[in-house]
Protein backbone atom coordinates (compact mmCIF):
# COMPACT_ATOMS: atom_id res chain seq x y z
CA MET A 1 0.00 0.00 0.00
CA LYS A 2 0.95 3.63 -0.46
CA VAL A 3 0.88 4.98 3.11
CA GLY A 4 1.22 8.64 4.08
CA VAL A 5 2.69 9.24 7.55
CA THR A 6 2.59 12.49 9.52
CA GLY A 7 5.10 12.91 12.33
CA ALA A 8 7.40 10.50 10.47
CA SER A 9 10.56 12.12 11.89
CA GLY A 10 9.42 11.77 15.51
CA TYR A 11 10.30 9.07 18.03
CA VAL A 12 7.30 6.86 17.26
CA GLY A 13 7.13 7.91 13.63
CA LYS A 14 10.58 6.56 12.81
CA LYS A 15 9.65 3.18 14.31
CA VAL A 16 6.35 3.08 12.41
CA VAL A 17 7.98 4.01 9.09
CA LYS A 18 10.58 1.25 9.50
CA GLU A 19 7.88 -1.31 10.36
CA LEU A 20 5.81 -0.32 7.32
CA GLN A 21 8.80 -0.56 5.00
CA ASN A 22 9.74 -3.94 6.46
CA ASN A 23 6.25 -5.10 5.47
CA SER A 24 6.64 -3.90 1.87
CA HIS A 25 4.52 -0.74 2.12
CA GLU A 26 5.56 2.37 0.20
CA VAL A 27 5.86 5.26 2.69
CA PHE A 28 5.25 8.93 1.93
CA LYS A 29 6.21 11.43 4.63
CA PHE A 30 4.18 14.59 5.22
CA VAL A 31 6.52 17.60 5.63
CA ARG A 32 5.95 21.29 6.40
CA ARG A 33 8.93 22.51 4.32
CA SER A 34 9.54 22.31 0.58
CA VAL A 35 9.59 18.69 -0.56
CA LYS A 36 12.96 17.16 -1.46
CA ASN A 37 11.89 13.95 -3.16
CA GLU A 38 8.89 12.12 -4.59
CA HIS A 39 8.20 10.37 -1.26
CA GLU A 40 7.43 13.61 0.57
CA ILE A 41 4.09 15.41 0.66
CA TYR A 42 3.77 19.07 1.61
CA TRP A 43 1.23 20.04 4.24
CA SER A 44 0.75 22.87 6.72
CA PRO A 45 -1.97 22.38 9.35
CA SER A 46 -1.64 25.95 10.65
CA LYS A 47 -2.17 27.32 7.11
CA GLN A 48 -4.67 24.58 6.20
CA GLU A 49 -2.65 23.65 3.12
CA ILE A 50 -1.91 20.24 1.61
CA ASP A 51 -0.70 18.83 -1.73
CA ILE A 52 -4.05 17.45 -2.90
CA GLU A 53 -2.65 15.61 -5.92
CA LYS A 54 -0.24 13.51 -3.86
CA PHE A 55 -2.89 13.07 -1.15
CA GLU A 56 -5.26 11.51 -3.69
CA GLU A 57 -2.64 8.90 -4.65
CA LEU A 58 -2.47 7.42 -1.12
CA ASP A 59 -4.18 4.22 -0.01
CA ALA A 60 -3.89 4.99 3.72
CA ILE A 61 -2.77 7.64 6.20
CA ILE A 62 -1.17 7.16 9.61
CA HIS A 63 -1.42 10.41 11.55
CA LEU A 64 1.14 10.84 14.36
CA ALA A 65 1.98 14.55 14.23
CA GLY A 66 1.47 16.95 17.12
CA GLU A 67 3.34 19.20 19.55
CA SER A 68 5.41 17.07 21.93
CA ILE A 69 3.97 16.61 25.43
CA ALA A 70 7.36 15.54 26.84
CA PRO A 71 8.84 17.53 29.75
CA LYS A 72 12.05 19.52 29.54
CA ASP A 73 15.37 19.03 31.35
CA LEU A 74 14.25 19.99 34.84
CA LEU A 75 17.25 20.03 37.15
CA GLY A 76 20.14 20.09 34.73
CA PHE A 77 20.59 16.32 34.60
CA LEU A 78 17.35 14.86 33.30
CA PRO A 79 17.61 14.02 29.57
CA PHE A 80 14.15 15.28 28.66
CA ALA A 81 13.10 17.27 25.60
CA GLY A 82 10.22 19.68 25.12
CA GLY A 83 9.19 21.92 27.99
CA ARG A 84 6.76 22.22 30.89
CA TRP A 85 3.17 23.03 30.20
CA SER A 86 2.72 26.79 30.20
CA LYS A 87 -0.52 28.18 28.81
CA GLU A 88 1.27 28.70 25.50
CA ARG A 89 2.56 25.13 25.48
CA LYS A 90 -0.88 23.71 26.21
CA SER A 91 -2.29 25.81 23.39
CA ARG A 92 0.29 24.37 20.98
CA ILE A 93 -0.44 20.82 22.17
CA TYR A 94 -4.15 21.36 21.56
CA TRP A 95 -4.16 23.33 18.33
CA SER A 96 -1.35 21.43 16.57
CA ARG A 97 -3.66 18.40 16.74
CA LYS A 98 -6.95 20.18 16.11
CA TRP A 99 -5.70 22.04 13.03
CA ALA A 100 -4.31 18.81 11.56
CA SER A 101 -7.60 16.95 12.09
CA ASP A 102 -9.60 19.82 10.60
CA LEU A 103 -7.31 19.90 7.57
CA PHE A 104 -7.69 16.19 6.95
CA VAL A 105 -11.48 16.27 7.30
CA SER A 106 -11.85 19.16 4.84
CA THR A 107 -9.38 17.53 2.41
CA PHE A 108 -11.21 14.20 2.44
CA GLU A 109 -14.52 15.97 1.87
CA SER A 110 -13.25 17.99 -1.09
CA ALA A 111 -10.97 15.42 -2.76
CA GLY A 112 -12.02 13.58 -5.90
CA LYS A 113 -10.28 10.46 -4.57
CA PHE A 114 -9.05 9.75 -1.06
CA PRO A 115 -7.34 7.07 1.08
CA ASN A 116 -9.75 4.44 2.39
CA ILE A 117 -7.87 3.84 5.67
CA PHE A 118 -7.05 6.45 8.31
CA ILE A 119 -5.22 5.61 11.55
CA THR A 120 -4.88 8.42 14.05
CA ALA A 121 -2.68 8.41 17.12
CA SER A 122 -4.50 8.78 20.41
CA GLY A 123 -3.73 7.62 23.93
CA ASN A 124 -5.33 5.85 26.84
CA ASP A 125 -5.33 9.22 28.60
CA ILE A 126 -8.70 9.53 26.86
CA TYR A 127 -10.22 7.28 29.55
CA GLY A 128 -9.15 9.49 32.46
CA ASP A 129 -8.49 8.04 35.91
CA GLN A 130 -10.38 4.73 36.15
CA GLY A 131 -9.17 3.33 39.48
CA ASP A 132 -9.15 -0.48 39.60
CA LYS A 133 -11.64 -0.91 36.75
CA VAL A 134 -10.49 -3.02 33.77
CA VAL A 135 -10.51 -0.65 30.79
CA THR A 136 -11.45 -1.88 27.31
CA GLU A 137 -12.30 0.04 24.17
CA GLU A 138 -15.93 0.22 25.38
CA THR A 139 -15.14 1.91 28.72
CA THR A 140 -16.84 5.28 29.35
CA PHE A 141 -14.49 8.25 29.67
CA ASN A 142 -13.85 9.96 33.01
CA ARG A 143 -13.61 13.51 31.65
CA GLY A 144 -11.96 16.59 33.10
CA GLN A 145 -8.19 16.31 32.49
CA PHE A 146 -6.30 18.17 29.78
CA LEU A 147 -4.88 15.21 27.82
CA GLN A 148 -8.24 13.45 28.00
CA LEU A 149 -9.78 16.52 26.36
CA VAL A 150 -7.05 16.69 23.71
CA ALA A 151 -7.40 13.02 22.79
CA GLU A 152 -11.17 13.24 22.48
CA GLU A 153 -11.62 16.67 20.85
CA CYS A 154 -8.51 16.83 18.67
CA TRP A 155 -7.45 13.28 17.80
CA GLU A 156 -10.60 11.20 17.69
CA GLU A 157 -13.90 13.05 17.49
CA PRO A 158 -13.19 15.11 14.32
CA LEU A 159 -11.68 12.22 12.39
CA TYR A 160 -14.60 9.87 12.99
CA GLN A 161 -16.45 12.13 10.55
CA LEU A 162 -14.50 10.33 7.82
CA LYS A 163 -16.53 7.18 8.48
CA LYS A 164 -19.44 8.86 6.65
CA LEU A 165 -17.30 8.76 3.51
CA GLY A 166 -16.67 5.02 3.87
CA VAL A 167 -13.18 5.41 5.34
CA ARG A 168 -12.02 2.76 7.82
CA VAL A 169 -10.95 4.89 10.80
CA ILE A 170 -8.83 3.55 13.68
CA SER A 171 -7.86 5.54 16.77
CA ALA A 172 -4.73 4.00 18.28
CA ARG A 173 -5.03 4.45 22.06
CA ALA A 174 -1.48 3.72 23.12
CA GLY A 175 -0.37 3.33 26.71
CA ILE A 176 2.80 4.80 28.22
CA MET A 177 5.49 3.80 25.74
CA LEU A 178 8.75 2.24 26.84
CA GLY A 179 11.76 2.38 24.54
CA LYS A 180 15.38 3.47 24.39
CA GLY A 181 15.64 7.26 24.43
CA ASN A 182 11.96 7.60 25.35
CA VAL A 183 11.00 10.16 28.02
CA ALA A 184 8.85 7.75 30.05
CA THR A 185 11.66 5.20 30.23
CA ASP A 186 14.08 7.94 31.33
CA ILE A 187 11.76 9.07 34.12
CA PHE A 188 11.07 5.57 35.45
CA THR A 189 14.75 4.55 35.50
CA LEU A 190 16.08 7.83 36.93
CA ILE A 191 15.59 6.97 40.60
CA SER A 192 17.01 3.51 40.00
CA LYS A 193 20.22 5.14 38.79
CA LEU A 194 20.46 6.64 42.28
CA ASN A 195 20.71 3.05 43.60
CA ILE A 196 17.08 2.69 44.68
CA SER A 197 13.82 2.02 42.90
CA SER A 198 10.63 3.49 44.23
CA PRO A 199 7.06 3.65 42.93
CA ILE A 200 5.49 6.98 42.03
CA GLY A 201 2.51 8.37 43.92
CA LYS A 202 0.42 5.93 45.93
CA GLY A 203 2.01 2.96 44.20
CA THR A 204 -1.35 1.21 43.84
CA GLN A 205 -2.46 3.02 40.67
CA TYR A 206 -2.46 0.92 37.51
CA PHE A 207 0.11 1.64 34.85
CA SER A 208 -0.77 0.69 31.25
CA TRP A 209 2.52 0.38 29.43
CA VAL A 210 3.64 -0.88 26.02
CA SER A 211 6.93 -1.39 24.20
CA VAL A 212 7.36 1.13 21.40
CA ASN A 213 8.34 -1.79 19.14
CA ASP A 214 4.92 -3.34 19.77
CA VAL A 215 3.29 0.03 19.04
CA ALA A 216 4.88 0.14 15.57
CA LYS A 217 3.93 -3.49 14.98
CA ALA A 218 0.32 -2.78 16.05
CA TYR A 219 0.01 0.15 13.64
CA ASN A 220 0.99 -2.12 10.75
CA PHE A 221 -1.39 -4.81 12.02
CA CYS A 222 -4.31 -2.35 12.16
CA LEU A 223 -3.45 -1.16 8.67
CA GLU A 224 -3.51 -4.66 7.18
CA GLN A 225 -6.43 -6.19 9.11
CA ASN A 226 -9.76 -5.09 7.67
CA SER A 227 -11.52 -6.12 10.89
CA MET A 228 -9.71 -3.41 12.88
CA GLU A 229 -11.85 -0.30 13.15
CA GLY A 230 -12.73 2.36 15.73
CA PRO A 231 -10.82 2.68 19.02
CA VAL A 232 -8.00 0.18 19.59
CA ASN A 233 -6.08 -0.07 22.87
CA ILE A 234 -2.38 -0.50 22.16
CA THR A 235 -1.13 -1.55 25.57
CA SER A 236 0.53 -4.61 27.02
CA PRO A 237 -2.00 -7.30 28.02
CA GLN A 238 -0.43 -7.15 31.48
CA PRO A 239 -0.92 -3.71 33.10
CA LEU A 240 0.83 -3.31 36.44
CA MET A 241 0.47 -1.35 39.63
CA GLN A 242 3.20 1.28 39.99
CA LYS A 243 4.74 -0.53 42.97
CA ASP A 244 5.10 -3.74 40.95
CA PHE A 245 6.63 -1.85 38.06
CA ALA A 246 9.19 -0.21 40.37
CA ARG A 247 9.98 -3.58 41.97
CA THR A 248 10.65 -5.05 38.50
CA ILE A 249 13.03 -2.21 37.59
CA ALA A 250 14.87 -2.74 40.89
CA LYS A 251 15.28 -6.43 40.15
CA ILE A 252 16.50 -5.92 36.59
CA MET A 253 18.95 -3.15 37.53
CA ASN A 254 20.07 -4.90 40.71
CA LYS A 255 19.01 -1.94 42.87
CA ALA A 256 17.26 -1.72 46.20
CA TYR A 257 13.46 -1.50 46.12
CA PHE A 258 12.37 1.36 48.36
CA PHE A 259 8.94 1.91 49.85
CA PRO A 260 7.22 4.35 50.65
CA PRO A 261 6.90 5.74 47.13
CA VAL A 262 7.97 9.05 45.63
CA PRO A 263 5.25 11.51 46.76
CA GLU A 264 2.83 12.77 44.13
CA VAL A 265 3.79 16.34 44.93
CA LEU A 266 7.44 15.72 43.94
CA MET A 267 6.43 14.20 40.61
CA LYS A 268 4.12 17.11 39.92
CA LEU A 269 6.74 19.66 40.95
CA ALA A 270 9.17 17.99 38.55
CA VAL A 271 7.05 17.72 35.41
CA GLY A 272 3.94 19.74 36.24
CA TRP A 273 0.59 18.79 37.74
CA GLU A 274 -1.21 17.70 34.59
CA LEU A 275 1.72 15.93 32.94
CA GLY A 276 2.40 14.08 36.18
CA GLU A 277 -1.10 12.59 35.96
CA SER A 278 -0.34 11.34 32.45
CA LEU A 279 3.03 9.84 33.37
CA GLY A 280 1.79 7.38 35.93
CA LEU A 281 -0.28 9.10 38.61
CA ASN A 282 -3.59 8.29 36.93
CA SER A 283 -4.82 4.73 37.32
CA ILE A 284 -5.67 3.19 33.93
CA ARG A 285 -5.88 -0.61 33.80
CA ALA A 286 -6.22 -0.90 30.03
CA ILE A 287 -6.46 -4.20 28.18
CA PRO A 288 -5.90 -4.55 24.39
CA LYS A 289 -9.17 -6.42 23.89
CA LYS A 290 -9.50 -5.80 20.15
CA LEU A 291 -5.89 -6.58 19.29
CA LEU A 292 -5.92 -9.85 21.21
CA GLY A 293 -9.28 -10.80 19.73
CA ALA A 294 -7.91 -10.26 16.23
CA GLY A 295 -4.87 -12.46 16.87
CA PHE A 296 -2.17 -9.83 17.42
CA VAL A 297 0.95 -11.22 19.13
CA PHE A 298 3.01 -8.90 21.34
CA ASP A 299 6.79 -9.22 21.14
CA PHE A 300 7.02 -7.84 24.68
CA PRO A 301 3.87 -8.84 26.62
CA GLU A 302 5.66 -8.90 30.00
CA ILE A 303 7.40 -6.01 31.72
CA GLU A 304 10.48 -8.11 32.53
CA SER A 305 11.28 -8.79 28.88
CA ALA A 306 10.44 -5.23 27.81
CA MET A 307 12.67 -3.54 30.42
CA SER A 308 15.49 -6.06 30.05
CA ASP A 309 15.63 -5.10 26.39
CA LEU A 310 16.04 -1.42 27.34
CA ILE A 311 18.29 -1.28 30.39
């Protein structure tokens, strides 16, 4: 298939592009600058511009682009990129996604020919804090938090309009991704590098994680499986409580496991109140019901194998 990918130069985008190419798909990267080769497509969400001719040649689109939510280097030694969430930053996070969705909807509606598959990135932040409840794709949202709002209003809700045109739309609700050079992995191994491992917050909140390699594999699976449609949880089938996750890191890194946990207030002082909720303070016990039902096989279903591959 000819697959257009937004956010192709990002952390997840690079993994997805490689997975698509390994499965014999022809990848076209959306870029905001002047194109340099035939496998690039110009677009500008803020200007609502897109190369309609190249768009009409695509069979599918995987939409990953958006302002990074990752925190910045906080104390001079944390290897984070991005920045804390000021009002301006939150505005960029919201509108970078909303403008892109609006551009795609208007382009699909006006095009003479359009891709028949659209996969949009989302996140299990869309569910909000769910406590001990097992979360599947049918779970009702607990609204009120910023990233929940962004996922619903910017990623998913606008793009489901494409279903009226006969497009197969998938919203990929990924969990907290673990991978080399990934911000979440850096945060969760930081304390361990100080010779202890401690859970974050209460320690009893559920942590829905997934290897970034499995994320890329799941995107390709959703692309190729006609049965995959609507919301799809891309999370390990084995969510953990924070305390169990910290205990696993301690074991793998041969560090001491320390309890009581890191207080919520310290996490929120470090990365900000709202981002702290997203990075492990919320309790989301998500299960990849649709993926498992369709026969998807995770390369890293267990936290031990996933973290051993990274540390």
